[in-house]
Amino acid sequence: MFQLKPVVWLGSSLKAVQEFPSVSKRQIGLQLALVQSGEMPSDWKPLRGIGGGVYEIRVHGSGEYRVVYVAKFAQAIFVLHAFGKKSRKAATVDVRTVQLRYSQLLASLGIKEH
């Protein structure tokens, strides 16, 4: 029997998603379920410059919402950050949060990045 990969929420990412509008929360849940079953979300993009395998789920609704995750590790899908976008480009604080949490994740898993 196929077992879904667990989702681990890092930092304040779960709290951030809980504050999104209900339609956006449902959409994020559906997209993460696809990832759990080994598929890609319906609207995503790779985040270059952070690390290999870091992707962004994009949700459009009453606003623009993003969930950044990495699923390449066997243990779980790690949600690094979740945020609402107010402009076309991601805010510097959001990019730095993703970088920091990814570095912390690698350290906690005992992985050294090249």
PDB file of N, CA and C in Angstrom:
ATOM      1  N   MET A   1       0.841  -1.189   0.000  1.00  0.00           N
ATOM      2  CA  MET A   1       0.000   0.000   0.000  1.00  0.00           C
ATOM      3  C   MET A   1       0.882   1.247   0.000  1.00  0.00           C
ATOM      4  N   PHE A   2       0.536   2.218  -0.830  1.00  0.00           N
ATOM      5  CA  PHE A   2       1.277   3.471  -0.943  1.00  0.00           C
ATOM      6  C   PHE A   2       0.961   4.364   0.259  1.00  0.00           C
ATOM      7  N   GLN A   3       2.015   4.866   0.883  1.00  0.00           N
ATOM      8  CA  GLN A   3       1.811   5.739   2.038  1.00  0.00           C
ATOM      9  C   GLN A   3       2.180   7.169   1.662  1.00  0.00           C
ATOM     10  N   LEU A   4       1.306   8.106   2.013  1.00  0.00           N
ATOM     11  CA  LEU A   4       1.572   9.512   1.725  1.00  0.00           C
ATOM     12  C   LEU A   4       2.722  10.006   2.577  1.00  0.00           C
ATOM     13  N   LYS A   5       3.554  10.826   1.972  1.00  0.00           N
ATOM     14  CA  LYS A   5       4.671  11.432   2.692  1.00  0.00           C
ATOM     15  C   LYS A   5       4.101  12.483   3.645  1.00  0.00           C
ATOM     16  N   PRO A   6       4.550  12.499   4.910  1.00  0.00           N
ATOM     17  CA  PRO A   6       4.026  13.495   5.847  1.00  0.00           C
ATOM     18  C   PRO A   6       4.475  14.917   5.484  1.00  0.00           C
ATOM     19  N   VAL A   7       3.710  15.892   5.933  1.00  0.00           N
ATOM     20  CA  VAL A   7       4.044  17.301   5.740  1.00  0.00           C
ATOM     21  C   VAL A   7       4.517  17.846   7.083  1.00  0.00           C
ATOM     22  N   VAL A   8       5.695  18.466   7.069  1.00  0.00           N
ATOM     23  CA  VAL A   8       6.251  19.091   8.267  1.00  0.00           C
ATOM     24  C   VAL A   8       6.307  20.590   8.009  1.00  0.00           C
ATOM     25  N   TRP A   9       5.655  21.347   8.879  1.00  0.00           N
ATOM     26  CA  TRP A   9       5.579  22.800   8.746  1.00  0.00           C
ATOM     27  C   TRP A   9       6.693  23.424   9.579  1.00  0.00           C
ATOM     28  N   LEU A  10       7.552  24.203   8.952  1.00  0.00           N
ATOM     29  CA  LEU A  10       8.661  24.829   9.659  1.00  0.00           C
ATOM     30  C   LEU A  10       8.334  26.275  10.012  1.00  0.00           C
ATOM     31  N   GLY A  11       8.888  26.719  11.145  1.00  0.00           N
ATOM     32  CA  GLY A  11       8.687  28.097  11.576  1.00  0.00           C
ATOM     33  C   GLY A  11       7.221  28.432  11.717  1.00  0.00           C
ATOM     34  N   SER A  12       6.838  29.570  11.196  1.00  0.00           N
ATOM     35  CA  SER A  12       5.458  30.060  11.303  1.00  0.00           C
ATOM     36  C   SER A  12       4.626  29.738  10.061  1.00  0.00           C
ATOM     37  N   SER A  13       5.102  28.801   9.229  1.00  0.00           N
ATOM     38  CA  SER A  13       4.418  28.551   7.959  1.00  0.00           C
ATOM     39  C   SER A  13       2.979  28.061   8.138  1.00  0.00           C
ATOM     40  N   LEU A  14       2.731  27.171   9.097  1.00  0.00           N
ATOM     41  CA  LEU A  14       1.359  26.678   9.313  1.00  0.00           C
ATOM     42  C   LEU A  14       0.459  27.804   9.807  1.00  0.00           C
ATOM     43  N   LYS A  15       0.950  28.594  10.729  1.00  0.00           N
ATOM     44  CA  LYS A  15       0.164  29.716  11.253  1.00  0.00           C
ATOM     45  C   LYS A  15      -0.184  30.692  10.129  1.00  0.00           C
ATOM     46  N   ALA A  16       0.764  30.924   9.232  1.00  0.00           N
ATOM     47  CA  ALA A  16       0.517  31.841   8.112  1.00  0.00           C
ATOM     48  C   ALA A  16      -0.601  31.302   7.223  1.00  0.00           C
ATOM     49  N   VAL A  17      -0.544  30.009   6.896  1.00  0.00           N
ATOM     50  CA  VAL A  17      -1.584  29.419   6.042  1.00  0.00           C
ATOM     51  C   VAL A  17      -2.942  29.459   6.734  1.00  0.00           C
ATOM     52  N   GLN A  18      -2.970  29.235   8.036  1.00  0.00           N
ATOM     53  CA  GLN A  18      -4.232  29.271   8.779  1.00  0.00           C
ATOM     54  C   GLN A  18      -4.890  30.640   8.715  1.00  0.00           C
ATOM     55  N   GLU A  19      -4.125  31.675   8.446  1.00  0.00           N
ATOM     56  CA  GLU A  19      -4.667  33.031   8.360  1.00  0.00           C
ATOM     57  C   GLU A  19      -5.093  33.404   6.945  1.00  0.00           C
ATOM     58  N   PHE A  20      -4.828  32.550   5.955  1.00  0.00           N
ATOM     59  CA  PHE A  20      -5.250  32.811   4.583  1.00  0.00           C
ATOM     60  C   PHE A  20      -6.763  32.637   4.483  1.00  0.00           C
ATOM     61  N   PRO A  21      -7.401  33.220   3.463  1.00  0.00           N
ATOM     62  CA  PRO A  21      -8.834  32.994   3.237  1.00  0.00           C
ATOM     63  C   PRO A  21      -9.116  31.498   3.048  1.00  0.00           C
ATOM     64  N   SER A  22     -10.309  31.059   3.442  1.00  0.00           N
ATOM     65  CA  SER A  22     -10.633  29.626   3.434  1.00  0.00           C
ATOM     66  C   SER A  22     -10.487  28.992   2.050  1.00  0.00           C
ATOM     67  N   VAL A  23     -10.845  29.692   0.995  1.00  0.00           N
ATOM     68  CA  VAL A  23     -10.716  29.136  -0.357  1.00  0.00           C
ATOM     69  C   VAL A  23      -9.239  28.880  -0.671  1.00  0.00           C
ATOM     70  N   SER A  24      -8.379  29.801  -0.301  1.00  0.00           N
ATOM     71  CA  SER A  24      -6.946  29.644  -0.550  1.00  0.00           C
ATOM     72  C   SER A  24      -6.363  28.515   0.300  1.00  0.00           C
ATOM     73  N   LYS A  25      -6.822  28.397   1.549  1.00  0.00           N
ATOM     74  CA  LYS A  25      -6.364  27.300   2.411  1.00  0.00           C
ATOM     75  C   LYS A  25      -6.726  25.945   1.803  1.00  0.00           C
ATOM     76  N   ARG A  26      -7.947  25.823   1.305  1.00  0.00           N
ATOM     77  CA  ARG A  26      -8.378  24.568   0.680  1.00  0.00           C
ATOM     78  C   ARG A  26      -7.521  24.238  -0.534  1.00  0.00           C
ATOM     79  N   GLN A  27      -7.260  25.256  -1.338  1.00  0.00           N
ATOM     80  CA  GLN A  27      -6.452  25.058  -2.544  1.00  0.00           C
ATOM     81  C   GLN A  27      -5.033  24.610  -2.168  1.00  0.00           C
ATOM     82  N   ILE A  28      -4.457  25.208  -1.139  1.00  0.00           N
ATOM     83  CA  ILE A  28      -3.127  24.812  -0.681  1.00  0.00           C
ATOM     84  C   ILE A  28      -3.152  23.366  -0.197  1.00  0.00           C
ATOM     85  N   GLY A  29      -4.185  22.996   0.540  1.00  0.00           N
ATOM     86  CA  GLY A  29      -4.306  21.619   1.004  1.00  0.00           C
ATOM     87  C   GLY A  29      -4.373  20.640  -0.155  1.00  0.00           C
ATOM     88  N   LEU A  30      -5.140  20.972  -1.180  1.00  0.00           N
ATOM     89  CA  LEU A  30      -5.246  20.101  -2.356  1.00  0.00           C
ATOM     90  C   LEU A  30      -3.908  19.983  -3.078  1.00  0.00           C
ATOM     91  N   GLN A  31      -3.205  21.097  -3.194  1.00  0.00           N
ATOM     92  CA  GLN A  31      -1.910  21.088  -3.881  1.00  0.00           C
ATOM     93  C   GLN A  31      -0.873  20.287  -3.097  1.00  0.00           C
ATOM     94  N   LEU A  32      -0.871  20.433  -1.774  1.00  0.00           N
ATOM     95  CA  LEU A  32       0.060  19.661  -0.948  1.00  0.00           C
ATOM     96  C   LEU A  32      -0.280  18.167  -0.989  1.00  0.00           C
ATOM     97  N   ALA A  33      -1.555  17.833  -1.133  1.00  0.00           N
ATOM     98  CA  ALA A  33      -1.949  16.423  -1.262  1.00  0.00           C
ATOM     99  C   ALA A  33      -1.377  15.826  -2.551  1.00  0.00           C
ATOM    100  N   LEU A  34      -1.342  16.606  -3.613  1.00  0.00           N
ATOM    101  CA  LEU A  34      -0.713  16.141  -4.852  1.00  0.00           C
ATOM    102  C   LEU A  34       0.767  15.843  -4.608  1.00  0.00           C
ATOM    103  N   VAL A  35       1.438  16.761  -3.927  1.00  0.00           N
ATOM    104  CA  VAL A  35       2.860  16.584  -3.634  1.00  0.00           C
ATOM    105  C   VAL A  35       3.065  15.343  -2.764  1.00  0.00           C
ATOM    106  N   GLN A  36       2.199  15.148  -1.783  1.00  0.00           N
ATOM    107  CA  GLN A  36       2.297  13.972  -0.915  1.00  0.00           C
ATOM    108  C   GLN A  36       2.194  12.675  -1.704  1.00  0.00           C
ATOM    109  N   SER A  37       1.437  12.689  -2.784  1.00  0.00           N
ATOM    110  CA  SER A  37       1.264  11.479  -3.583  1.00  0.00           C
ATOM    111  C   SER A  37       2.308  11.368  -4.693  1.00  0.00           C
ATOM    112  N   GLY A  38       3.314  12.262  -4.672  1.00  0.00           N
ATOM    113  CA  GLY A  38       4.417  12.166  -5.620  1.00  0.00           C
ATOM    114  C   GLY A  38       4.233  12.957  -6.900  1.00  0.00           C
ATOM    115  N   GLU A  39       3.200  13.783  -6.963  1.00  0.00           N
ATOM    116  CA  GLU A  39       2.951  14.581  -8.151  1.00  0.00           C
ATOM    117  C   GLU A  39       3.332  16.040  -7.901  1.00  0.00           C
ATOM    118  N   MET A  40       3.302  16.824  -8.960  1.00  0.00           N
ATOM    119  CA  MET A  40       3.587  18.258  -8.830  1.00  0.00           C
ATOM    120  C   MET A  40       2.264  19.017  -8.703  1.00  0.00           C
ATOM    121  N   PRO A  41       2.285  20.141  -7.996  1.00  0.00           N
ATOM    122  CA  PRO A  41       1.076  20.972  -7.893  1.00  0.00           C
ATOM    123  C   PRO A  41       0.663  21.481  -9.278  1.00  0.00           C
ATOM    124  N   SER A  42      -0.549  21.970  -9.382  1.00  0.00           N
ATOM    125  CA  SER A  42      -1.028  22.454 -10.680  1.00  0.00           C
ATOM    126  C   SER A  42      -0.414  23.796 -11.070  1.00  0.00           C
ATOM    127  N   ASP A  43      -0.021  24.617 -10.111  1.00  0.00           N
ATOM    128  CA  ASP A  43       0.606  25.911 -10.409  1.00  0.00           C
ATOM    129  C   ASP A  43       1.804  26.068  -9.478  1.00  0.00           C
ATOM    130  N   TRP A  44       2.993  25.947 -10.040  1.00  0.00           N
ATOM    131  CA  TRP A  44       4.211  25.957  -9.236  1.00  0.00           C
ATOM    132  C   TRP A  44       5.358  26.536 -10.046  1.00  0.00           C
ATOM    133  N   LYS A  45       6.431  26.834  -9.348  1.00  0.00           N
ATOM    134  CA  LYS A  45       7.677  27.194 -10.026  1.00  0.00           C
ATOM    135  C   LYS A  45       8.831  26.849  -9.100  1.00  0.00           C
ATOM    136  N   PRO A  46       9.989  26.514  -9.687  1.00  0.00           N
ATOM    137  CA  PRO A  46      11.161  26.251  -8.852  1.00  0.00           C
ATOM    138  C   PRO A  46      11.710  27.577  -8.327  1.00  0.00           C
ATOM    139  N   LEU A  47      12.239  27.541  -7.118  1.00  0.00           N
ATOM    140  CA  LEU A  47      12.886  28.742  -6.575  1.00  0.00           C
ATOM    141  C   LEU A  47      14.380  28.589  -6.771  1.00  0.00           C
ATOM    142  N   ARG A  48      14.883  29.211  -7.764  1.00  0.00           N
ATOM    143  CA  ARG A  48      16.309  29.119  -8.082  1.00  0.00           C
ATOM    144  C   ARG A  48      17.103  29.953  -7.078  1.00  0.00           C
ATOM    145  N   GLY A  49      18.294  29.489  -6.789  1.00  0.00           N
ATOM    146  CA  GLY A  49      19.164  30.235  -5.890  1.00  0.00           C
ATOM    147  C   GLY A  49      18.977  29.886  -4.425  1.00  0.00           C
ATOM    148  N   ILE A  50      17.991  29.083  -4.098  1.00  0.00           N
ATOM    149  CA  ILE A  50      17.772  28.671  -2.702  1.00  0.00           C
ATOM    150  C   ILE A  50      18.438  27.320  -2.495  1.00  0.00           C
ATOM    151  N   GLY A  51      18.069  26.368  -3.313  1.00  0.00           N
ATOM    152  CA  GLY A  51      18.602  25.014  -3.245  1.00  0.00           C
ATOM    153  C   GLY A  51      17.815  24.139  -4.196  1.00  0.00           C
ATOM    154  N   GLY A  52      18.427  23.083  -4.646  1.00  0.00           N
ATOM    155  CA  GLY A  52      17.747  22.169  -5.552  1.00  0.00           C
ATOM    156  C   GLY A  52      16.532  21.547  -4.888  1.00  0.00           C
ATOM    157  N   GLY A  53      15.439  21.483  -5.618  1.00  0.00           N
ATOM    158  CA  GLY A  53      14.239  20.846  -5.099  1.00  0.00           C
ATOM    159  C   GLY A  53      13.335  21.745  -4.280  1.00  0.00           C
ATOM    160  N   VAL A  54      13.627  23.045  -4.223  1.00  0.00           N
ATOM    161  CA  VAL A  54      12.766  23.983  -3.498  1.00  0.00           C
ATOM    162  C   VAL A  54      11.781  24.579  -4.504  1.00  0.00           C
ATOM    163  N   TYR A  55      10.493  24.406  -4.207  1.00  0.00           N
ATOM    164  CA  TYR A  55       9.441  24.857  -5.114  1.00  0.00           C
ATOM    165  C   TYR A  55       8.444  25.760  -4.391  1.00  0.00           C
ATOM    166  N   GLU A  56       7.732  26.521  -5.216  1.00  0.00           N
ATOM    167  CA  GLU A  56       6.713  27.438  -4.713  1.00  0.00           C
ATOM    168  C   GLU A  56       5.369  27.033  -5.306  1.00  0.00           C
ATOM    169  N   ILE A  57       4.397  26.793  -4.440  1.00  0.00           N
ATOM    170  CA  ILE A  57       3.010  26.596  -4.881  1.00  0.00           C
ATOM    171  C   ILE A  57       2.391  27.978  -4.976  1.00  0.00           C
ATOM    172  N   ARG A  58       1.737  28.239  -6.096  1.00  0.00           N
ATOM    173  CA  ARG A  58       1.122  29.547  -6.318  1.00  0.00           C
ATOM    174  C   ARG A  58      -0.395  29.406  -6.290  1.00  0.00           C
ATOM    175  N   VAL A  59      -1.033  30.195  -5.442  1.00  0.00           N
ATOM    176  CA  VAL A  59      -2.487  30.162  -5.301  1.00  0.00           C
ATOM    177  C   VAL A  59      -3.027  31.555  -5.597  1.00  0.00           C
ATOM    178  N   HIS A  60      -3.987  31.607  -6.496  1.00  0.00           N
ATOM    179  CA  HIS A  60      -4.607  32.873  -6.899  1.00  0.00           C
ATOM    180  C   HIS A  60      -6.054  32.858  -6.428  1.00  0.00           C
ATOM    181  N   GLY A  61      -6.482  33.922  -5.852  1.00  0.00           N
ATOM    182  CA  GLY A  61      -7.860  34.002  -5.389  1.00  0.00           C
ATOM    183  C   GLY A  61      -8.166  35.439  -5.045  1.00  0.00           C
ATOM    184  N   SER A  62      -8.634  35.654  -3.826  1.00  0.00           N
ATOM    185  CA  SER A  62      -8.907  37.022  -3.376  1.00  0.00           C
ATOM    186  C   SER A  62      -7.602  37.771  -3.150  1.00  0.00           C
ATOM    187  N   GLY A  63      -6.506  37.065  -3.287  1.00  0.00           N
ATOM    188  CA  GLY A  63      -5.150  37.618  -3.192  1.00  0.00           C
ATOM    189  C   GLY A  63      -4.196  36.587  -3.760  1.00  0.00           C
ATOM    190  N   GLU A  64      -2.930  36.906  -3.723  1.00  0.00           N
ATOM    191  CA  GLU A  64      -1.905  35.981  -4.197  1.00  0.00           C
ATOM    192  C   GLU A  64      -1.218  35.368  -2.985  1.00  0.00           C
ATOM    193  N   TYR A  65      -1.161  34.043  -2.939  1.00  0.00           N
ATOM    194  CA  TYR A  65      -0.571  33.341  -1.797  1.00  0.00           C
ATOM    195  C   TYR A  65       0.459  32.341  -2.297  1.00  0.00           C
ATOM    196  N   ARG A  66       1.508  32.172  -1.507  1.00  0.00           N
ATOM    197  CA  ARG A  66       2.592  31.273  -1.866  1.00  0.00           C
ATOM    198  C   ARG A  66       2.944  30.359  -0.705  1.00  0.00           C
ATOM    199  N   VAL A  67       3.267  29.109  -1.029  1.00  0.00           N
ATOM    200  CA  VAL A  67       3.761  28.140  -0.059  1.00  0.00           C
ATOM    201  C   VAL A  67       5.037  27.562  -0.653  1.00  0.00           C
ATOM    202  N   VAL A  68       6.140  27.707   0.065  1.00  0.00           N
ATOM    203  CA  VAL A  68       7.435  27.227  -0.405  1.00  0.00           C
ATOM    204  C   VAL A  68       7.757  25.928   0.327  1.00  0.00           C
ATOM    205  N   TYR A  69       8.114  24.909  -0.446  1.00  0.00           N
ATOM    206  CA  TYR A  69       8.353  23.593   0.150  1.00  0.00           C
ATOM    207  C   TYR A  69       9.516  22.887  -0.534  1.00  0.00           C
ATOM    208  N   VAL A  70       9.996  21.850   0.128  1.00  0.00           N
ATOM    209  CA  VAL A  70      10.983  20.948  -0.458  1.00  0.00           C
ATOM    210  C   VAL A  70      10.507  19.525  -0.169  1.00  0.00           C
ATOM    211  N   ALA A  71      10.469  18.694  -1.214  1.00  0.00           N
ATOM    212  CA  ALA A  71       9.935  17.337  -1.072  1.00  0.00           C
ATOM    213  C   ALA A  71      10.965  16.276  -1.442  1.00  0.00           C
ATOM    214  N   LYS A  72      12.210  16.658  -1.663  1.00  0.00           N
ATOM    215  CA  LYS A  72      13.201  15.704  -2.156  1.00  0.00           C
ATOM    216  C   LYS A  72      13.777  14.786  -1.082  1.00  0.00           C
ATOM    217  N   PHE A  73      13.492  15.049   0.170  1.00  0.00           N
ATOM    218  CA  PHE A  73      14.004  14.219   1.250  1.00  0.00           C
ATOM    219  C   PHE A  73      12.999  13.113   1.575  1.00  0.00           C
ATOM    220  N   ALA A  74      13.506  11.940   1.925  1.00  0.00           N
ATOM    221  CA  ALA A  74      12.644  10.774   2.154  1.00  0.00           C
ATOM    222  C   ALA A  74      11.730  10.947   3.370  1.00  0.00           C
ATOM    223  N   GLN A  75      12.175  11.709   4.377  1.00  0.00           N
ATOM    224  CA  GLN A  75      11.447  11.810   5.636  1.00  0.00           C
ATOM    225  C   GLN A  75      10.073  12.472   5.491  1.00  0.00           C
ATOM    226  N   ALA A  76      10.016  13.548   4.729  1.00  0.00           N
ATOM    227  CA  ALA A  76       8.785  14.347   4.701  1.00  0.00           C
ATOM    228  C   ALA A  76       8.846  15.400   3.614  1.00  0.00           C
ATOM    229  N   ILE A  77       7.715  16.058   3.435  1.00  0.00           N
ATOM    230  CA  ILE A  77       7.651  17.296   2.665  1.00  0.00           C
ATOM    231  C   ILE A  77       7.794  18.401   3.704  1.00  0.00           C
ATOM    232  N   PHE A  78       8.778  19.248   3.532  1.00  0.00           N
ATOM    233  CA  PHE A  78       9.023  20.315   4.490  1.00  0.00           C
ATOM    234  C   PHE A  78       8.516  21.627   3.903  1.00  0.00           C
ATOM    235  N   VAL A  79       7.537  22.241   4.571  1.00  0.00           N
ATOM    236  CA  VAL A  79       7.036  23.550   4.161  1.00  0.00           C
ATOM    237  C   VAL A  79       7.926  24.583   4.842  1.00  0.00           C
ATOM    238  N   LEU A  80       8.681  25.305   4.032  1.00  0.00           N
ATOM    239  CA  LEU A  80       9.651  26.264   4.546  1.00  0.00           C
ATOM    240  C   LEU A  80       9.024  27.602   4.919  1.00  0.00           C
ATOM    241  N   HIS A  81       8.029  28.027   4.133  1.00  0.00           N
ATOM    242  CA  HIS A  81       7.462  29.362   4.367  1.00  0.00           C
ATOM    243  C   HIS A  81       6.133  29.474   3.628  1.00  0.00           C
ATOM    244  N   ALA A  82       5.257  30.309   4.118  1.00  0.00           N
ATOM    245  CA  ALA A  82       3.985  30.619   3.461  1.00  0.00           C
ATOM    246  C   ALA A  82       3.728  32.107   3.650  1.00  0.00           C
ATOM    247  N   PHE A  83       3.258  32.752   2.597  1.00  0.00           N
ATOM    248  CA  PHE A  83       3.052  34.200   2.677  1.00  0.00           C
ATOM    249  C   PHE A  83       2.102  34.673   1.587  1.00  0.00           C
ATOM    250  N   GLY A  84       1.531  35.837   1.827  1.00  0.00           N
ATOM    251  CA  GLY A  84       0.723  36.510   0.828  1.00  0.00           C
ATOM    252  C   GLY A  84       1.601  37.486   0.077  1.00  0.00           C
ATOM    253  N   LYS A  85       1.375  37.602  -1.223  1.00  0.00           N
ATOM    254  CA  LYS A  85       2.168  38.525  -2.038  1.00  0.00           C
ATOM    255  C   LYS A  85       1.384  39.801  -2.267  1.00  0.00           C
ATOM    256  N   LYS A  86       2.106  40.888  -2.178  1.00  0.00           N
ATOM    257  CA  LYS A  86       1.481  42.185  -2.417  1.00  0.00           C
ATOM    258  C   LYS A  86       2.008  42.852  -3.687  1.00  0.00           C
ATOM    259  N   SER A  87       3.112  42.314  -4.216  1.00  0.00           N
ATOM    260  CA  SER A  87       3.675  42.861  -5.449  1.00  0.00           C
ATOM    261  C   SER A  87       4.141  41.710  -6.336  1.00  0.00           C
ATOM    262  N   ARG A  88       4.581  42.045  -7.521  1.00  0.00           N
ATOM    263  CA  ARG A  88       5.002  41.029  -8.489  1.00  0.00           C
ATOM    264  C   ARG A  88       6.213  40.239  -7.999  1.00  0.00           C
ATOM    265  N   LYS A  89       7.121  40.901  -7.328  1.00  0.00           N
ATOM    266  CA  LYS A  89       8.346  40.262  -6.840  1.00  0.00           C
ATOM    267  C   LYS A  89       8.192  39.918  -5.360  1.00  0.00           C
ATOM    268  N   ALA A  90       8.738  38.759  -4.973  1.00  0.00           N
ATOM    269  CA  ALA A  90       8.676  38.356  -3.561  1.00  0.00           C
ATOM    270  C   ALA A  90       9.476  39.344  -2.713  1.00  0.00           C
ATOM    271  N   ALA A  91       8.963  39.646  -1.543  1.00  0.00           N
ATOM    272  CA  ALA A  91       9.631  40.569  -0.636  1.00  0.00           C
ATOM    273  C   ALA A  91      10.951  39.960  -0.163  1.00  0.00           C
ATOM    274  N   THR A  92      11.937  40.808   0.051  1.00  0.00           N
ATOM    275  CA  THR A  92      13.254  40.369   0.506  1.00  0.00           C
ATOM    276  C   THR A  92      13.156  39.571   1.795  1.00  0.00           C
ATOM    277  N   VAL A  93      12.295  39.975   2.702  1.00  0.00           N
ATOM    278  CA  VAL A  93      12.153  39.265   3.974  1.00  0.00           C
ATOM    279  C   VAL A  93      11.653  37.836   3.742  1.00  0.00           C
ATOM    280  N   ASP A  94      10.780  37.623   2.771  1.00  0.00           N
ATOM    281  CA  ASP A  94      10.280  36.282   2.471  1.00  0.00           C
ATOM    282  C   ASP A  94      11.383  35.411   1.877  1.00  0.00           C
ATOM    283  N   VAL A  95      12.172  35.966   0.977  1.00  0.00           N
ATOM    284  CA  VAL A  95      13.288  35.227   0.378  1.00  0.00           C
ATOM    285  C   VAL A  95      14.302  34.849   1.455  1.00  0.00           C
ATOM    286  N   ARG A  96      14.619  35.779   2.325  1.00  0.00           N
ATOM    287  CA  ARG A  96      15.578  35.494   3.408  1.00  0.00           C
ATOM    288  C   ARG A  96      15.036  34.439   4.369  1.00  0.00           C
ATOM    289  N   THR A  97      13.744  34.481   4.649  1.00  0.00           N
ATOM    290  CA  THR A  97      13.130  33.479   5.526  1.00  0.00           C
ATOM    291  C   THR A  97      13.268  32.089   4.913  1.00  0.00           C
ATOM    292  N   VAL A  98      13.003  31.980   3.619  1.00  0.00           N
ATOM    293  CA  VAL A  98      13.133  30.689   2.935  1.00  0.00           C
ATOM    294  C   VAL A  98      14.583  30.212   2.991  1.00  0.00           C
ATOM    295  N   GLN A  99      15.521  31.100   2.699  1.00  0.00           N
ATOM    296  CA  GLN A  99      16.943  30.721   2.728  1.00  0.00           C
ATOM    297  C   GLN A  99      17.360  30.243   4.115  1.00  0.00           C
ATOM    298  N   LEU A 100      16.963  30.969   5.137  1.00  0.00           N
ATOM    299  CA  LEU A 100      17.328  30.610   6.509  1.00  0.00           C
ATOM    300  C   LEU A 100      16.729  29.266   6.908  1.00  0.00           C
ATOM    301  N   ARG A 101      15.456  29.075   6.651  1.00  0.00           N
ATOM    302  CA  ARG A 101      14.801  27.816   7.038  1.00  0.00           C
ATOM    303  C   ARG A 101      15.350  26.629   6.246  1.00  0.00           C
ATOM    304  N   TYR A 102      15.706  26.850   4.985  1.00  0.00           N
ATOM    305  CA  TYR A 102      16.300  25.772   4.196  1.00  0.00           C
ATOM    306  C   TYR A 102      17.664  25.392   4.770  1.00  0.00           C
ATOM    307  N   SER A 103      18.471  26.386   5.105  1.00  0.00           N
ATOM    308  CA  SER A 103      19.782  26.126   5.719  1.00  0.00           C
ATOM    309  C   SER A 103      19.628  25.399   7.043  1.00  0.00           C
ATOM    310  N   GLN A 104      18.674  25.827   7.856  1.00  0.00           N
ATOM    311  CA  GLN A 104      18.429  25.163   9.144  1.00  0.00           C
ATOM    312  C   GLN A 104      17.959  23.724   8.938  1.00  0.00           C
ATOM    313  N   LEU A 105      17.117  23.503   7.930  1.00  0.00           N
ATOM    314  CA  LEU A 105      16.640  22.154   7.627  1.00  0.00           C
ATOM    315  C   LEU A 105      17.810  21.255   7.241  1.00  0.00           C
ATOM    316  N   LEU A 106      18.659  21.730   6.349  1.00  0.00           N
ATOM    317  CA  LEU A 106      19.815  20.935   5.933  1.00  0.00           C
ATOM    318  C   LEU A 106      20.692  20.585   7.131  1.00  0.00           C
ATOM    319  N   ALA A 107      20.932  21.555   7.997  1.00  0.00           N
ATOM    320  CA  ALA A 107      21.750  21.314   9.187  1.00  0.00           C
ATOM    321  C   ALA A 107      21.101  20.270  10.095  1.00  0.00           C
ATOM    322  N   SER A 108      19.785  20.357  10.279  1.00  0.00           N
ATOM    323  CA  SER A 108      19.096  19.415  11.154  1.00  0.00           C
ATOM    324  C   SER A 108      19.098  17.993  10.576  1.00  0.00           C
ATOM    325  N   LEU A 109      19.172  17.893   9.254  1.00  0.00           N
ATOM    326  CA  LEU A 109      19.223  16.583   8.597  1.00  0.00           C
ATOM    327  C   LEU A 109      20.658  16.087   8.434  1.00  0.00           C
ATOM    328  N   GLY A 110      21.615  16.936   8.821  1.00  0.00           N
ATOM    329  CA  GLY A 110      23.025  16.552   8.703  1.00  0.00           C
ATOM    330  C   GLY A 110      23.528  16.568   7.268  1.00  0.00           C
ATOM    331  N   ILE A 111      22.949  17.442   6.454  1.00  0.00           N
ATOM    332  CA  ILE A 111      23.342  17.531   5.036  1.00  0.00           C
ATOM    333  C   ILE A 111      24.155  18.800   4.833  1.00  0.00           C
ATOM    334  N   LYS A 112      25.315  18.634   4.213  1.00  0.00           N
ATOM    335  CA  LYS A 112      26.156  19.788   3.883  1.00  0.00           C
ATOM    336  C   LYS A 112      25.914  20.151   2.437  1.00  0.00           C
ATOM    337  N   GLU A 113      25.628  21.406   2.219  1.00  0.00           N
ATOM    338  CA  GLU A 113      25.391  21.872   0.846  1.00  0.00           C
ATOM    339  C   GLU A 113      26.718  22.246   0.214  1.00  0.00           C
ATOM    340  N   HIS A 114      26.844  22.002  -1.063  1.00  0.00           N
ATOM    341  CA  HIS A 114      28.093  22.269  -1.784  1.00  0.00           C
ATOM    342  C   HIS A 114      28.458  23.719  -1.734  1.00  0.00           C
TER     343      HIS A 114
END
